[in-house]
Amino acid sequence: MVTALSTACSNHSEPLICLSEAQGNQTQDIRGGAFKFGENRYYANERPVLTATVKDFNIDRTEVTNRQFKAFVDATGYVTAAERGLSEKEFPDIPAQFRVPGSMVFILSLIHI
């Protein structure tokens, strides 16, 4: 039996740091609480400032690998938003042909004149 190890590595200018699979599978408890989001001073679509409450949760300390995500999907049957498409209820102003399953790539193009 061959066991492949996945690692999480840093690509910064500092020395390369790779984590073992055991280190990469660590999680962190985050205490919930109330927070304000939005902004009243600038853009209209950021108004009004609202208060939201988040319950305590647990999050991975590193990014999720493709292998980990596949194991999660296999275990739960999870279907991503890209596979489901957008719902008419949540996005009533988007024409049906643009709510189909798929994905988008945004490309920033700078034109120098």
Protein backbone atom coordinates (compact mmCIF):
# COMPACT_ATOMS: atom_id res chain seq x y z
CA MET A 1 0.00 0.00 0.00
CA VAL A 2 1.33 3.41 -0.94
CA THR A 3 0.40 6.40 1.17
CA ALA A 4 0.70 9.83 -0.38
CA LEU A 5 1.14 12.77 1.96
CA SER A 6 -0.35 16.14 1.18
CA THR A 7 1.42 19.25 2.36
CA ALA A 8 0.62 22.92 2.66
CA CYS A 9 3.52 25.15 1.63
CA SER A 10 4.24 28.84 1.79
CA ASN A 11 5.37 30.50 -1.45
CA HIS A 12 6.60 33.75 0.09
CA SER A 13 10.10 35.17 -0.07
CA GLU A 14 10.84 33.77 3.41
CA PRO A 15 12.20 30.21 3.62
CA LEU A 16 9.79 27.63 2.20
CA ILE A 17 7.64 26.13 4.98
CA CYS A 18 5.78 22.89 4.39
CA LEU A 19 3.40 21.30 6.85
CA SER A 20 2.91 17.60 7.29
CA GLU A 21 -0.56 16.16 6.70
CA ALA A 22 -1.06 15.94 10.48
CA GLN A 23 -0.19 19.61 10.91
CA GLY A 24 -2.36 20.57 7.94
CA ASN A 25 -5.39 18.84 9.45
CA GLN A 26 -5.47 20.99 12.57
CA THR A 27 -8.44 23.19 13.33
CA GLN A 28 -9.06 26.29 15.42
CA ASP A 29 -12.12 27.09 17.54
CA ILE A 30 -13.43 30.61 16.89
CA ARG A 31 -15.62 32.25 19.51
CA GLY A 32 -18.77 33.75 18.05
CA GLY A 33 -20.19 37.15 18.82
CA ALA A 34 -21.84 40.21 17.39
CA PHE A 35 -20.20 42.42 14.78
CA LYS A 36 -21.20 45.33 12.60
CA PHE A 37 -20.83 45.24 8.84
CA GLY A 38 -21.60 47.73 6.13
CA GLU A 39 -20.70 51.39 5.81
CA ASN A 40 -22.83 54.54 5.95
CA ARG A 41 -20.24 57.02 4.69
CA TYR A 42 -19.40 55.98 1.14
CA TYR A 43 -21.24 53.64 -1.24
CA ALA A 44 -25.03 53.38 -1.16
CA ASN A 45 -24.93 49.60 -1.65
CA GLU A 46 -22.98 49.25 1.62
CA ARG A 47 -25.73 50.92 3.67
CA PRO A 48 -27.02 50.61 6.31
CA VAL A 49 -24.55 49.33 8.89
CA LEU A 50 -26.08 46.14 10.27
CA THR A 51 -25.29 44.04 13.32
CA ALA A 52 -24.96 40.30 12.83
CA THR A 53 -24.37 37.55 15.35
CA VAL A 54 -22.23 34.53 14.53
CA LYS A 55 -22.27 31.34 16.60
CA ASP A 56 -19.02 29.73 17.75
CA PHE A 57 -17.44 27.71 14.94
CA ASN A 58 -14.40 25.64 14.07
CA ILE A 59 -12.19 26.30 11.04
CA ASP A 60 -9.20 24.60 9.43
CA ARG A 61 -5.85 26.27 10.15
CA THR A 62 -4.76 25.81 6.52
CA GLU A 63 -6.43 25.74 3.12
CA VAL A 64 -8.46 22.67 2.25
CA THR A 65 -6.71 20.41 -0.26
CA ASN A 66 -8.47 18.95 -3.29
CA ARG A 67 -8.18 15.52 -1.66
CA GLN A 68 -9.85 16.77 1.54
CA PHE A 69 -12.63 18.46 -0.43
CA LYS A 70 -13.25 15.29 -2.45
CA ALA A 71 -13.48 13.25 0.77
CA PHE A 72 -16.00 15.80 2.13
CA VAL A 73 -18.10 15.68 -1.08
CA ASP A 74 -18.00 11.86 -1.14
CA ALA A 75 -19.08 11.68 2.52
CA THR A 76 -21.83 14.31 2.39
CA GLY A 77 -23.05 14.51 -1.21
CA TYR A 78 -22.39 18.27 -1.14
CA VAL A 79 -23.09 20.10 -4.41
CA THR A 80 -21.28 23.39 -5.03
CA ALA A 81 -22.99 26.60 -6.15
CA ALA A 82 -21.20 26.24 -9.50
CA GLU A 83 -22.84 22.83 -9.94
CA ARG A 84 -26.29 23.99 -8.74
CA GLY A 85 -26.54 27.26 -10.58
CA LEU A 86 -28.13 30.38 -9.15
CA SER A 87 -31.65 30.27 -7.75
CA GLU A 88 -34.36 32.50 -9.17
CA LYS A 89 -35.47 33.28 -5.61
CA GLU A 90 -32.05 34.66 -4.62
CA PHE A 91 -31.27 36.27 -7.98
CA PRO A 92 -34.62 37.34 -9.50
CA ASP A 93 -33.09 40.08 -11.65
CA ILE A 94 -30.65 37.78 -13.44
CA PRO A 95 -32.05 36.22 -16.63
CA ALA A 96 -32.47 32.43 -16.52
CA GLN A 97 -29.77 31.83 -19.14
CA PHE A 98 -27.22 33.42 -16.76
CA ARG A 99 -28.28 31.40 -13.70
CA VAL A 100 -27.29 28.00 -15.14
CA PRO A 101 -24.59 25.85 -13.50
CA GLY A 102 -21.07 26.86 -14.42
CA SER A 103 -18.29 29.13 -13.32
CA MET A 104 -16.91 32.54 -14.16
CA VAL A 105 -13.44 33.91 -14.65
CA PHE A 106 -12.89 37.64 -14.36
CA ILE A 107 -10.03 39.13 -16.35
CA LEU A 108 -8.78 42.62 -15.68
CA SER A 109 -7.57 44.25 -18.85
CA LEU A 110 -5.58 47.44 -18.67
CA ILE A 111 -5.50 49.57 -21.78
CA HIS A 112 -2.64 52.01 -22.09
CA ILE A 113 -3.35 54.94 -24.37
